[in-house]
PDB file of all heavy atoms in Angstrom:
ATOM      1  N   ASN A   1       5.415 -17.685  -8.896  1.00  0.00           N
ATOM      2  CA  ASN A   1       4.099 -17.828  -8.272  1.00  0.00           C
ATOM      3  C   ASN A   1       3.327 -16.512  -8.228  1.00  0.00           C
ATOM      4  O   ASN A   1       2.462 -16.308  -7.380  1.00  0.00           O
ATOM      5  CB  ASN A   1       4.235 -18.390  -6.854  1.00  0.00           C
ATOM      6  CG  ASN A   1       5.112 -17.534  -5.947  1.00  0.00           C
ATOM      7  OD1 ASN A   1       5.989 -16.807  -6.433  1.00  0.00           O
ATOM      8  ND2 ASN A   1       4.899 -17.613  -4.659  1.00  0.00           N
ATOM      9  N   PHE A   2       3.634 -15.593  -9.163  1.00  0.00           N
ATOM     10  CA  PHE A   2       2.930 -14.309  -9.182  1.00  0.00           C
ATOM     11  C   PHE A   2       1.429 -14.487  -9.379  1.00  0.00           C
ATOM     12  O   PHE A   2       0.629 -13.663  -8.924  1.00  0.00           O
ATOM     13  CB  PHE A   2       3.502 -13.408 -10.278  1.00  0.00           C
ATOM     14  CG  PHE A   2       2.828 -12.071 -10.381  1.00  0.00           C
ATOM     15  CD1 PHE A   2       2.854 -11.179  -9.320  1.00  0.00           C
ATOM     16  CD2 PHE A   2       2.153 -11.699 -11.539  1.00  0.00           C
ATOM     17  CE1 PHE A   2       2.226  -9.939  -9.408  1.00  0.00           C
ATOM     18  CE2 PHE A   2       1.519 -10.470 -11.633  1.00  0.00           C
ATOM     19  CZ  PHE A   2       1.561  -9.591 -10.564  1.00  0.00           C
ATOM     20  N   ALA A   3       1.020 -15.584 -10.041  1.00  0.00           N
ATOM     21  CA  ALA A   3      -0.412 -15.831 -10.261  1.00  0.00           C
ATOM     22  C   ALA A   3      -1.188 -15.894  -8.953  1.00  0.00           C
ATOM     23  O   ALA A   3      -2.394 -15.604  -8.928  1.00  0.00           O
ATOM     24  CB  ALA A   3      -0.603 -17.122 -11.053  1.00  0.00           C
ATOM     25  N   GLU A   4      -0.515 -16.243  -7.849  1.00  0.00           N
ATOM     26  CA  GLU A   4      -1.187 -16.337  -6.550  1.00  0.00           C
ATOM     27  C   GLU A   4      -1.745 -14.991  -6.092  1.00  0.00           C
ATOM     28  O   GLU A   4      -2.761 -14.937  -5.395  1.00  0.00           O
ATOM     29  CB  GLU A   4      -0.209 -16.849  -5.485  1.00  0.00           C
ATOM     30  CG  GLU A   4       0.292 -18.254  -5.706  1.00  0.00           C
ATOM     31  CD  GLU A   4       1.349 -18.651  -4.689  1.00  0.00           C
ATOM     32  OE1 GLU A   4       1.704 -17.804  -3.828  1.00  0.00           O
ATOM     33  OE2 GLU A   4       1.830 -19.800  -4.754  1.00  0.00           O
ATOM     34  N   ILE A   5      -1.072 -13.905  -6.485  1.00  0.00           N
ATOM     35  CA  ILE A   5      -1.493 -12.588  -5.990  1.00  0.00           C
ATOM     36  C   ILE A   5      -1.941 -11.647  -7.093  1.00  0.00           C
ATOM     37  O   ILE A   5      -2.324 -10.509  -6.817  1.00  0.00           O
ATOM     38  CB  ILE A   5      -0.353 -11.917  -5.185  1.00  0.00           C
ATOM     39  CG1 ILE A   5       0.859 -11.655  -6.096  1.00  0.00           C
ATOM     40  CG2 ILE A   5       0.035 -12.754  -3.981  1.00  0.00           C
ATOM     41  CD1 ILE A   5       1.922 -10.801  -5.438  1.00  0.00           C
ATOM     42  N   ARG A   6      -1.908 -12.117  -8.355  1.00  0.00           N
ATOM     43  CA  ARG A   6      -2.197 -11.227  -9.480  1.00  0.00           C
ATOM     44  C   ARG A   6      -3.551 -10.535  -9.338  1.00  0.00           C
ATOM     45  O   ARG A   6      -3.693  -9.346  -9.577  1.00  0.00           O
ATOM     46  CB  ARG A   6      -2.119 -11.993 -10.797  1.00  0.00           C
ATOM     47  CG  ARG A   6      -2.336 -11.105 -12.023  1.00  0.00           C
ATOM     48  CD  ARG A   6      -2.307 -11.896 -13.306  1.00  0.00           C
ATOM     49  NE  ARG A   6      -0.964 -12.367 -13.606  1.00  0.00           N
ATOM     50  CZ  ARG A   6      -0.604 -13.646 -13.628  1.00  0.00           C
ATOM     51  NH1 ARG A   6      -1.492 -14.585 -13.372  1.00  0.00           N
ATOM     52  NH2 ARG A   6       0.629 -13.985 -13.909  1.00  0.00           N
ATOM     53  N   GLU A   7      -4.579 -11.282  -8.975  1.00  0.00           N
ATOM     54  CA  GLU A   7      -5.917 -10.692  -8.899  1.00  0.00           C
ATOM     55  C   GLU A   7      -6.019  -9.641  -7.796  1.00  0.00           C
ATOM     56  O   GLU A   7      -6.865  -8.752  -7.854  1.00  0.00           O
ATOM     57  CB  GLU A   7      -6.971 -11.764  -8.676  1.00  0.00           C
ATOM     58  CG  GLU A   7      -6.846 -12.517  -7.355  1.00  0.00           C
ATOM     59  CD  GLU A   7      -7.942 -13.549  -7.204  1.00  0.00           C
ATOM     60  OE1 GLU A   7      -9.125 -13.158  -7.186  1.00  0.00           O
ATOM     61  OE2 GLU A   7      -7.612 -14.754  -7.137  1.00  0.00           O
ATOM     62  N   PHE A   8      -5.159  -9.713  -6.780  1.00  0.00           N
ATOM     63  CA  PHE A   8      -5.206  -8.754  -5.681  1.00  0.00           C
ATOM     64  C   PHE A   8      -4.468  -7.453  -6.013  1.00  0.00           C
ATOM     65  O   PHE A   8      -4.735  -6.421  -5.401  1.00  0.00           O
ATOM     66  CB  PHE A   8      -4.607  -9.367  -4.415  1.00  0.00           C
ATOM     67  CG  PHE A   8      -5.264 -10.645  -3.987  1.00  0.00           C
ATOM     68  CD1 PHE A   8      -4.596 -11.851  -4.080  1.00  0.00           C
ATOM     69  CD2 PHE A   8      -6.572 -10.639  -3.516  1.00  0.00           C
ATOM     70  CE1 PHE A   8      -5.201 -13.035  -3.697  1.00  0.00           C
ATOM     71  CE2 PHE A   8      -7.191 -11.821  -3.131  1.00  0.00           C
ATOM     72  CZ  PHE A   8      -6.509 -13.019  -3.226  1.00  0.00           C
ATOM     73  N   VAL A   9      -3.537  -7.517  -6.952  1.00  0.00           N
ATOM     74  CA  VAL A   9      -2.722  -6.334  -7.250  1.00  0.00           C
ATOM     75  C   VAL A   9      -2.900  -5.862  -8.690  1.00  0.00           C
ATOM     76  O   VAL A   9      -2.214  -4.947  -9.130  1.00  0.00           O
ATOM     77  CB  VAL A   9      -1.220  -6.612  -6.989  1.00  0.00           C
ATOM     78  CG1 VAL A   9      -1.004  -7.055  -5.562  1.00  0.00           C
ATOM     79  CG2 VAL A   9      -0.685  -7.672  -7.960  1.00  0.00           C
ATOM     80  N   SER A  10      -3.819  -6.499  -9.449  1.00  0.00           N
ATOM     81  CA  SER A  10      -3.946  -6.195 -10.878  1.00  0.00           C
ATOM     82  C   SER A  10      -4.415  -4.774 -11.105  1.00  0.00           C
ATOM     83  O   SER A  10      -5.067  -4.164 -10.268  1.00  0.00           O
ATOM     84  CB  SER A  10      -4.927  -7.166 -11.542  1.00  0.00           C
ATOM     85  OG  SER A  10      -6.198  -7.056 -10.945  1.00  0.00           O
ATOM     86  N   GLY A  11      -4.074  -4.249 -12.281  1.00  0.00           N
ATOM     87  CA  GLY A  11      -4.433  -2.888 -12.628  1.00  0.00           C
ATOM     88  C   GLY A  11      -3.219  -1.995 -12.607  1.00  0.00           C
ATOM     89  O   GLY A  11      -2.290  -2.214 -11.822  1.00  0.00           O
ATOM     90  N   PRO A  12      -3.173  -0.991 -13.477  1.00  0.00           N
ATOM     91  CA  PRO A  12      -2.031  -0.077 -13.513  1.00  0.00           C
ATOM     92  C   PRO A  12      -1.837   0.652 -12.196  1.00  0.00           C
ATOM     93  O   PRO A  12      -2.799   1.042 -11.542  1.00  0.00           O
ATOM     94  CB  PRO A  12      -2.396   0.901 -14.642  1.00  0.00           C
ATOM     95  CG  PRO A  12      -3.434   0.191 -15.438  1.00  0.00           C
ATOM     96  CD  PRO A  12      -4.182  -0.671 -14.473  1.00  0.00           C
ATOM     97  N   SER A  13      -0.580   0.790 -11.796  1.00  0.00           N
ATOM     98  CA  SER A  13      -0.257   1.525 -10.573  1.00  0.00           C
ATOM     99  C   SER A  13       0.167   2.928 -10.956  1.00  0.00           C
ATOM    100  O   SER A  13       1.296   3.149 -11.365  1.00  0.00           O
ATOM    101  CB  SER A  13       0.871   0.823  -9.819  1.00  0.00           C
ATOM    102  OG  SER A  13       0.488  -0.476  -9.468  1.00  0.00           O
ATOM    103  N   VAL A  14      -0.752   3.867 -10.864  1.00  0.00           N
ATOM    104  CA  VAL A  14      -0.469   5.219 -11.317  1.00  0.00           C
ATOM    105  C   VAL A  14      -0.699   6.211 -10.183  1.00  0.00           C
ATOM    106  O   VAL A  14      -1.834   6.426  -9.764  1.00  0.00           O
ATOM    107  CB  VAL A  14      -1.373   5.603 -12.509  1.00  0.00           C
ATOM    108  CG1 VAL A  14      -0.908   6.912 -13.114  1.00  0.00           C
ATOM    109  CG2 VAL A  14      -1.383   4.504 -13.548  1.00  0.00           C
ATOM    110  N   PRO A  15       0.362   6.811  -9.640  1.00  0.00           N
ATOM    111  CA  PRO A  15       0.183   7.838  -8.623  1.00  0.00           C
ATOM    112  C   PRO A  15      -0.590   9.021  -9.190  1.00  0.00           C
ATOM    113  O   PRO A  15      -0.590   9.247 -10.400  1.00  0.00           O
ATOM    114  CB  PRO A  15       1.625   8.243  -8.268  1.00  0.00           C
ATOM    115  CG  PRO A  15       2.464   7.099  -8.724  1.00  0.00           C
ATOM    116  CD  PRO A  15       1.769   6.541  -9.918  1.00  0.00           C
ATOM    117  N   PRO A  16      -1.273   9.803  -8.330  1.00  0.00           N
ATOM    118  CA  PRO A  16      -2.032  10.957  -8.813  1.00  0.00           C
ATOM    119  C   PRO A  16      -1.174  11.911  -9.632  1.00  0.00           C
ATOM    120  O   PRO A  16      -0.032  12.200  -9.285  1.00  0.00           O
ATOM    121  CB  PRO A  16      -2.504  11.622  -7.509  1.00  0.00           C
ATOM    122  CG  PRO A  16      -2.497  10.525  -6.502  1.00  0.00           C
ATOM    123  CD  PRO A  16      -1.364   9.626  -6.881  1.00  0.00           C
ATOM    124  N   GLY A  17      -1.713  12.375 -10.763  1.00  0.00           N
ATOM    125  CA  GLY A  17      -1.017  13.350 -11.584  1.00  0.00           C
ATOM    126  C   GLY A  17       0.025  12.758 -12.502  1.00  0.00           C
ATOM    127  O   GLY A  17       0.787  13.475 -13.137  1.00  0.00           O
ATOM    128  N   ARG A  18       0.080  11.420 -12.605  1.00  0.00           N
ATOM    129  CA  ARG A  18       1.090  10.795 -13.447  1.00  0.00           C
ATOM    130  C   ARG A  18       0.420   9.858 -14.445  1.00  0.00           C
ATOM    131  O   ARG A  18      -0.554   9.205 -14.133  1.00  0.00           O
ATOM    132  CB  ARG A  18       2.073   9.992 -12.596  1.00  0.00           C
ATOM    133  CG  ARG A  18       3.160   9.317 -13.418  1.00  0.00           C
ATOM    134  CD  ARG A  18       4.062   8.489 -12.515  1.00  0.00           C
ATOM    135  NE  ARG A  18       4.996   7.725 -13.321  1.00  0.00           N
ATOM    136  CZ  ARG A  18       4.690   6.581 -13.920  1.00  0.00           C
ATOM    137  NH1 ARG A  18       3.479   6.076 -13.797  1.00  0.00           N
ATOM    138  NH2 ARG A  18       5.595   5.938 -14.636  1.00  0.00           N
ATOM    139  N   THR A  19       0.956   9.794 -15.663  1.00  0.00           N
ATOM    140  CA  THR A  19       0.434   8.897 -16.680  1.00  0.00           C
ATOM    141  C   THR A  19       1.434   7.771 -16.937  1.00  0.00           C
ATOM    142  O   THR A  19       2.639   7.937 -16.742  1.00  0.00           O
ATOM    143  CB  THR A  19       0.182   9.639 -18.015  1.00  0.00           C
ATOM    144  OG1 THR A  19       1.408  10.238 -18.437  1.00  0.00           O
ATOM    145  CG2 THR A  19      -0.882  10.706 -17.832  1.00  0.00           C
ATOM    146  N   LEU A  20       0.904   6.627 -17.359  1.00  0.00           N
ATOM    147  CA  LEU A  20       1.764   5.490 -17.633  1.00  0.00           C
ATOM    148  C   LEU A  20       2.532   5.663 -18.942  1.00  0.00           C
ATOM    149  O   LEU A  20       1.996   6.198 -19.902  1.00  0.00           O
ATOM    150  CB  LEU A  20       0.921   4.215 -17.719  1.00  0.00           C
ATOM    151  CG  LEU A  20       0.394   3.655 -16.400  1.00  0.00           C
ATOM    152  CD1 LEU A  20      -0.563   2.508 -16.686  1.00  0.00           C
ATOM    153  CD2 LEU A  20       1.509   3.182 -15.517  1.00  0.00           C
ATOM    154  N   SER A  21       3.770   5.189 -18.956  1.00  0.00           N
ATOM    155  CA  SER A  21       4.542   5.172 -20.193  1.00  0.00           C
ATOM    156  C   SER A  21       4.077   4.004 -21.058  1.00  0.00           C
ATOM    157  O   SER A  21       3.385   3.100 -20.589  1.00  0.00           O
ATOM    158  CB  SER A  21       6.033   5.020 -19.889  1.00  0.00           C
ATOM    159  OG  SER A  21       6.278   3.737 -19.348  1.00  0.00           O
ATOM    160  N   ILE A  22       4.480   4.001 -22.328  1.00  0.00           N
ATOM    161  CA  ILE A  22       4.114   2.913 -23.225  1.00  0.00           C
ATOM    162  C   ILE A  22       4.641   1.582 -22.692  1.00  0.00           C
ATOM    163  O   ILE A  22       3.946   0.566 -22.701  1.00  0.00           O
ATOM    164  CB  ILE A  22       4.678   3.170 -24.641  1.00  0.00           C
ATOM    165  CG1 ILE A  22       4.019   4.424 -25.246  1.00  0.00           C
ATOM    166  CG2 ILE A  22       4.442   1.962 -25.533  1.00  0.00           C
ATOM    167  CD1 ILE A  22       2.517   4.315 -25.423  1.00  0.00           C
ATOM    168  N   GLU A  23       5.877   1.583 -22.190  1.00  0.00           N
ATOM    169  CA  GLU A  23       6.458   0.350 -21.670  1.00  0.00           C
ATOM    170  C   GLU A  23       5.655  -0.176 -20.485  1.00  0.00           C
ATOM    171  O   GLU A  23       5.425  -1.377 -20.361  1.00  0.00           O
ATOM    172  CB  GLU A  23       7.914   0.589 -21.241  1.00  0.00           C
ATOM    173  CG  GLU A  23       8.885   0.840 -22.388  1.00  0.00           C
ATOM    174  CD  GLU A  23       8.769   2.264 -22.939  1.00  0.00           C
ATOM    175  OE1 GLU A  23       8.157   3.115 -22.261  1.00  0.00           O
ATOM    176  OE2 GLU A  23       9.275   2.502 -24.037  1.00  0.00           O
ATOM    177  N   GLU A  24       5.226   0.724 -19.596  1.00  0.00           N
ATOM    178  CA  GLU A  24       4.460   0.303 -18.423  1.00  0.00           C
ATOM    179  C   GLU A  24       3.075  -0.201 -18.811  1.00  0.00           C
ATOM    180  O   GLU A  24       2.562  -1.168 -18.238  1.00  0.00           O
ATOM    181  CB  GLU A  24       4.348   1.460 -17.433  1.00  0.00           C
ATOM    182  CG  GLU A  24       5.662   1.790 -16.765  1.00  0.00           C
ATOM    183  CD  GLU A  24       5.667   3.154 -16.107  1.00  0.00           C
ATOM    184  OE1 GLU A  24       4.818   3.990 -16.450  1.00  0.00           O
ATOM    185  OE2 GLU A  24       6.525   3.370 -15.266  1.00  0.00           O
ATOM    186  N   LEU A  25       2.451   0.462 -19.799  1.00  0.00           N
ATOM    187  CA  LEU A  25       1.149  -0.001 -20.273  1.00  0.00           C
ATOM    188  C   LEU A  25       1.260  -1.411 -20.840  1.00  0.00           C
ATOM    189  O   LEU A  25       0.409  -2.269 -20.592  1.00  0.00           O
ATOM    190  CB  LEU A  25       0.611   0.957 -21.346  1.00  0.00           C
ATOM    191  CG  LEU A  25       0.000   2.266 -20.832  1.00  0.00           C
ATOM    192  CD1 LEU A  25      -0.267   3.200 -22.001  1.00  0.00           C
ATOM    193  CD2 LEU A  25      -1.280   2.003 -20.061  1.00  0.00           C
ATOM    194  N   ARG A  26       2.327  -1.653 -21.600  1.00  0.00           N
ATOM    195  CA  ARG A  26       2.512  -2.984 -22.167  1.00  0.00           C
ATOM    196  C   ARG A  26       2.739  -4.006 -21.069  1.00  0.00           C
ATOM    197  O   ARG A  26       2.265  -5.145 -21.143  1.00  0.00           O
ATOM    198  CB  ARG A  26       3.696  -2.970 -23.133  1.00  0.00           C
ATOM    199  CG  ARG A  26       3.397  -2.231 -24.435  1.00  0.00           C
ATOM    200  CD  ARG A  26       4.639  -2.078 -25.279  1.00  0.00           C
ATOM    201  NE  ARG A  26       4.343  -1.399 -26.529  1.00  0.00           N
ATOM    202  CZ  ARG A  26       5.268  -0.885 -27.342  1.00  0.00           C
ATOM    203  NH1 ARG A  26       6.544  -0.990 -27.023  1.00  0.00           N
ATOM    204  NH2 ARG A  26       4.917  -0.291 -28.458  1.00  0.00           N
ATOM    205  N   LEU A  27       3.472  -3.606 -20.027  1.00  0.00           N
ATOM    206  CA  LEU A  27       3.724  -4.507 -18.912  1.00  0.00           C
ATOM    207  C   LEU A  27       2.414  -4.881 -18.239  1.00  0.00           C
ATOM    208  O   LEU A  27       2.150  -6.045 -17.938  1.00  0.00           O
ATOM    209  CB  LEU A  27       4.667  -3.837 -17.908  1.00  0.00           C
ATOM    210  CG  LEU A  27       5.154  -4.692 -16.737  1.00  0.00           C
ATOM    211  CD1 LEU A  27       5.989  -5.848 -17.246  1.00  0.00           C
ATOM    212  CD2 LEU A  27       5.944  -3.844 -15.771  1.00  0.00           C
ATOM    213  N   ASP A  28       1.529  -3.895 -18.011  1.00  0.00           N
ATOM    214  CA  ASP A  28       0.238  -4.162 -17.387  1.00  0.00           C
ATOM    215  C   ASP A  28      -0.642  -5.006 -18.293  1.00  0.00           C
ATOM    216  O   ASP A  28      -1.370  -5.886 -17.836  1.00  0.00           O
ATOM    217  CB  ASP A  28      -0.474  -2.847 -17.046  1.00  0.00           C
ATOM    218  CG  ASP A  28       0.142  -2.163 -15.843  1.00  0.00           C
ATOM    219  OD1 ASP A  28       0.411  -2.863 -14.866  1.00  0.00           O
ATOM    220  OD2 ASP A  28       0.360  -0.951 -15.907  1.00  0.00           O
ATOM    221  N   GLU A  29      -0.598  -4.734 -19.611  1.00  0.00           N
ATOM    222  CA  GLU A  29      -1.400  -5.518 -20.544  1.00  0.00           C
ATOM    223  C   GLU A  29      -0.974  -6.983 -20.508  1.00  0.00           C
ATOM    224  O   GLU A  29      -1.810  -7.888 -20.531  1.00  0.00           O
ATOM    225  CB  GLU A  29      -1.240  -4.958 -21.963  1.00  0.00           C
ATOM    226  CG  GLU A  29      -1.966  -3.635 -22.183  1.00  0.00           C
ATOM    227  CD  GLU A  29      -1.635  -3.034 -23.533  1.00  0.00           C
ATOM    228  OE1 GLU A  29      -0.835  -3.652 -24.271  1.00  0.00           O
ATOM    229  OE2 GLU A  29      -2.161  -1.956 -23.842  1.00  0.00           O
ATOM    230  N   ARG A  30       0.331  -7.226 -20.442  1.00  0.00           N
ATOM    231  CA  ARG A  30       0.814  -8.608 -20.382  1.00  0.00           C
ATOM    232  C   ARG A  30       0.340  -9.297 -19.109  1.00  0.00           C
ATOM    233  O   ARG A  30      -0.062 -10.466 -19.134  1.00  0.00           O
ATOM    234  CB  ARG A  30       2.342  -8.634 -20.461  1.00  0.00           C
ATOM    235  CG  ARG A  30       2.910  -8.266 -21.819  1.00  0.00           C
ATOM    236  CD  ARG A  30       4.367  -8.703 -21.918  1.00  0.00           C
ATOM    237  NE  ARG A  30       5.207  -8.056 -20.935  1.00  0.00           N
ATOM    238  CZ  ARG A  30       5.820  -6.894 -21.141  1.00  0.00           C
ATOM    239  NH1 ARG A  30       5.664  -6.256 -22.282  1.00  0.00           N
ATOM    240  NH2 ARG A  30       6.581  -6.368 -20.211  1.00  0.00           N
ATOM    241  N   ALA A  31       0.393  -8.571 -17.997  1.00  0.00           N
ATOM    242  CA  ALA A  31      -0.040  -9.157 -16.732  1.00  0.00           C
ATOM    243  C   ALA A  31      -1.525  -9.499 -16.758  1.00  0.00           C
ATOM    244  O   ALA A  31      -1.947 -10.571 -16.314  1.00  0.00           O
ATOM    245  CB  ALA A  31       0.260  -8.188 -15.579  1.00  0.00           C
ATOM    246  N   ILE A  32      -2.338  -8.569 -17.285  1.00  0.00           N
ATOM    247  CA  ILE A  32      -3.779  -8.807 -17.340  1.00  0.00           C
ATOM    248  C   ILE A  32      -4.096  -9.944 -18.302  1.00  0.00           C
ATOM    249  O   ILE A  32      -4.944 -10.804 -18.023  1.00  0.00           O
ATOM    250  CB  ILE A  32      -4.511  -7.505 -17.753  1.00  0.00           C
ATOM    251  CG1 ILE A  32      -4.339  -6.447 -16.652  1.00  0.00           C
ATOM    252  CG2 ILE A  32      -5.988  -7.768 -18.010  1.00  0.00           C
ATOM    253  CD1 ILE A  32      -4.815  -5.075 -17.058  1.00  0.00           C
TER     254      ILE A  32
END
């Protein structure tokens, strides 16, 4: 039931000063 909250939490979660890895970018792309 992740679709219930997807729009509220969508977008890459990147703490300040950190960049996303390729695997994480792909994970976010799949979610979006």
